[in-house]
Protein backbone atom coordinates (compact mmCIF):
# COMPACT_ATOMS: atom_id res chain seq x y z
CA UNK A 1 7.90 -16.52 -13.52
CA UNK A 2 7.78 -14.43 -16.68
CA UNK A 3 4.84 -13.19 -18.52
CA UNK A 4 4.78 -15.66 -21.08
CA UNK A 5 3.67 -18.47 -19.07
CA UNK A 6 0.19 -19.36 -20.33
CA UNK A 7 -2.90 -20.85 -18.84
CA UNK A 8 -2.00 -23.84 -21.05
CA UNK A 9 0.96 -24.85 -18.98
CA UNK A 10 -0.79 -24.31 -15.51
CA UNK A 11 -4.16 -22.85 -14.28
CA UNK A 12 -3.36 -19.38 -13.43
CA UNK A 13 -5.52 -17.56 -10.65
CA UNK A 14 -6.86 -13.94 -10.54
CA UNK A 15 -6.21 -11.79 -7.43
CA UNK A 16 -9.70 -12.46 -6.28
CA UNK A 17 -9.57 -16.39 -6.79
CA UNK A 18 -6.56 -16.60 -4.54
CA UNK A 19 -8.08 -14.21 -1.90
CA UNK A 20 -10.94 -16.40 -1.86
CA UNK A 21 -9.29 -19.65 -2.29
CA UNK A 22 -6.72 -18.56 0.72
CA UNK A 23 -9.00 -16.97 2.79
CA UNK A 24 -6.70 -13.63 2.78
CA UNK A 25 -8.11 -9.93 1.58
CA UNK A 26 -6.98 -8.98 -1.93
CA UNK A 27 -5.28 -5.91 0.00
CA UNK A 28 -3.18 -8.36 1.79
CA UNK A 29 -2.06 -9.78 -1.25
CA UNK A 30 -1.10 -7.13 -2.91
CA UNK A 31 0.71 -6.14 0.13
CA UNK A 32 2.59 -9.37 0.27
CA UNK A 33 3.61 -9.21 -3.49
CA UNK A 34 4.94 -5.53 -2.77
CA UNK A 35 7.01 -7.14 0.03
CA UNK A 36 8.29 -10.13 -2.24
CA UNK A 37 6.56 -12.70 -0.50
CA UNK A 38 4.40 -13.80 -3.59
CA UNK A 39 4.57 -13.17 -7.35
CA UNK A 40 2.27 -12.77 -9.90
CA UNK A 41 2.46 -12.22 -13.63
CA UNK A 42 0.17 -10.02 -15.62
CA UNK A 43 -1.99 -10.78 -18.46
CA UNK A 44 -2.64 -8.93 -21.82
CA UNK A 45 -4.93 -6.85 -20.02
CA UNK A 46 -2.24 -5.99 -17.30
CA UNK A 47 -4.52 -8.15 -14.36
CA UNK A 48 -2.63 -9.94 -11.95
CA UNK A 49 -2.54 -13.77 -12.49
CA UNK A 50 -1.06 -16.22 -9.66
CA UNK A 51 0.40 -19.55 -10.34
CA UNK A 52 -1.61 -22.04 -7.87
CA UNK A 53 1.59 -22.38 -6.08
CA UNK A 54 1.33 -19.00 -4.14
CA UNK A 55 -1.57 -20.65 -2.55
CA UNK A 56 0.64 -22.83 -0.57
CA UNK A 57 3.02 -19.83 0.07
CA UNK A 58 0.03 -17.77 1.69
CA UNK A 59 -0.63 -20.73 3.88
CA UNK A 60 2.74 -20.90 4.98
CA UNK A 61 2.71 -16.86 5.47
CA UNK A 62 -0.32 -16.86 7.59
CA UNK A 63 0.64 -19.93 9.58
CA UNK A 64 4.03 -18.09 10.49
CA UNK A 65 1.99 -14.77 11.28
CA UNK A 66 -0.06 -16.78 13.72
CA UNK A 67 3.17 -17.90 15.05
CA UNK A 68 4.36 -14.46 15.63
CA UNK A 69 7.12 -14.32 13.18
CA UNK A 70 7.39 -11.25 11.66
CA UNK A 71 7.12 -10.58 7.72
CA UNK A 72 11.03 -9.86 7.55
CA UNK A 73 11.93 -13.11 8.88
CA UNK A 74 9.07 -14.74 6.51
CA UNK A 75 10.47 -12.97 3.48
CA UNK A 76 13.82 -14.31 4.24
CA UNK A 77 12.65 -17.55 4.70
CA UNK A 78 10.64 -18.01 1.61
CA UNK A 79 13.31 -16.27 -0.39
CA UNK A 80 15.00 -19.84 -0.05
CA UNK A 81 12.12 -21.41 -1.80
CA UNK A 82 11.84 -22.16 -5.54
CA UNK A 83 8.92 -19.82 -6.59
CA UNK A 84 8.07 -22.12 -9.70
CA UNK A 85 6.61 -24.98 -7.54
CA UNK A 86 4.26 -25.32 -4.45
CA UNK A 87 6.37 -25.61 -1.17
CA UNK A 88 6.23 -29.21 0.06
CA UNK A 89 6.48 -30.76 3.64
CA UNK A 90 9.89 -30.85 3.33
CA UNK A 91 10.12 -27.22 2.60
CA UNK A 92 7.84 -26.62 5.69
CA UNK A 93 10.33 -28.52 8.05
CA UNK A 94 13.29 -26.36 7.02
CA UNK A 95 11.14 -23.22 7.42
CA UNK A 96 9.80 -24.03 10.75
CA UNK A 97 13.27 -25.59 12.09
CA UNK A 98 14.43 -21.78 11.49
CA UNK A 99 11.83 -20.32 13.95
CA UNK A 100 11.76 -23.29 16.33
CA UNK A 101 14.40 -21.65 18.94
CA UNK A 102 12.64 -18.19 18.93
CA UNK A 103 9.31 -19.97 19.42
CA UNK A 104 10.48 -22.10 22.36
CA UNK A 105 12.20 -18.75 24.07
CA UNK A 106 8.97 -16.99 23.58
CA UNK A 107 6.92 -19.57 24.95
CA UNK A 108 9.19 -19.81 28.02
CA UNK A 109 8.87 -15.98 28.66
CA UNK A 110 5.09 -16.36 28.20
CA UNK A 111 4.82 -19.18 30.86
CA UNK A 112 6.82 -17.08 33.29
CA UNK A 113 4.64 -14.10 33.12
CA UNK A 114 1.66 -16.14 33.36
CA UNK A 115 3.06 -17.82 36.52
CA UNK A 116 4.07 -14.22 38.11
CA UNK A 117 0.71 -12.86 37.07
CA UNK A 118 -1.35 -14.23 40.01
CA UNK A 119 0.78 -12.05 42.33
CA UNK A 120 -0.48 -8.83 40.54
CA UNK A 121 -4.03 -9.26 39.70
CA UNK A 122 -6.13 -6.92 41.52
CA UNK A 123 -3.04 -4.57 42.32
CA UNK A 124 -3.66 -2.17 39.63
CA UNK A 125 -0.67 0.05 40.26
CA UNK A 126 2.15 -1.65 38.54
CA UNK A 127 4.56 0.56 40.46
CA UNK A 128 5.41 -1.67 43.61
CA UNK A 129 8.72 -1.93 44.75
CA UNK A 130 8.69 -5.55 44.21
CA UNK A 131 6.60 -6.03 41.10
CA UNK A 132 8.13 -8.68 38.79
CA UNK A 133 5.98 -8.06 35.70
CA UNK A 134 6.47 -4.37 35.58
CA UNK A 135 9.23 -2.98 37.89
CA UNK A 136 11.84 -5.61 38.49
CA UNK A 137 13.95 -4.10 41.83
CA UNK A 138 12.17 -1.03 41.42
CA UNK A 139 14.38 0.20 38.86
CA UNK A 140 11.72 2.85 37.39
CA UNK A 141 11.52 4.82 40.59
CA UNK A 142 13.85 7.50 39.12
CA UNK A 143 11.56 7.97 36.23
CA UNK A 144 9.06 9.63 38.77
CA UNK A 145 5.49 8.77 40.02
CA UNK A 146 2.95 6.54 38.01
CA UNK A 147 3.02 3.78 36.12
CA UNK A 148 6.05 3.44 33.38
CA UNK A 149 6.82 0.57 30.90
CA UNK A 150 10.28 -0.75 30.87
């Protein structure tokens, strides 16, 4: 969006207004902007102004972060959306479809870890020869005594 867009064509939001409306800190909005996730224009006083469509983009960013999607992947997905309008439900369906397989894989892994956790509660050493969580088949024995992360 160019800096010539005026408030007469749409209501622009200050960074404080965008922060208040989205529930995201001003510093986070500045960070998102440096990463290309959201865009602003500058007014004659060189203050950032955001189109209202950025409210939905921030909501998409926050939801994706809650799902554990890395910012680089969020940026890649948002790059496919037009900057000149609010993302729609269809836009979100396309974005979420990109992440579904990874989410399902991570959910399956978490379920496996949860189901194996009962065997380790109270152990504390995490160096048992058959610890299914941290030391499968004792592959860390060559690293020396004490706990090690695989």
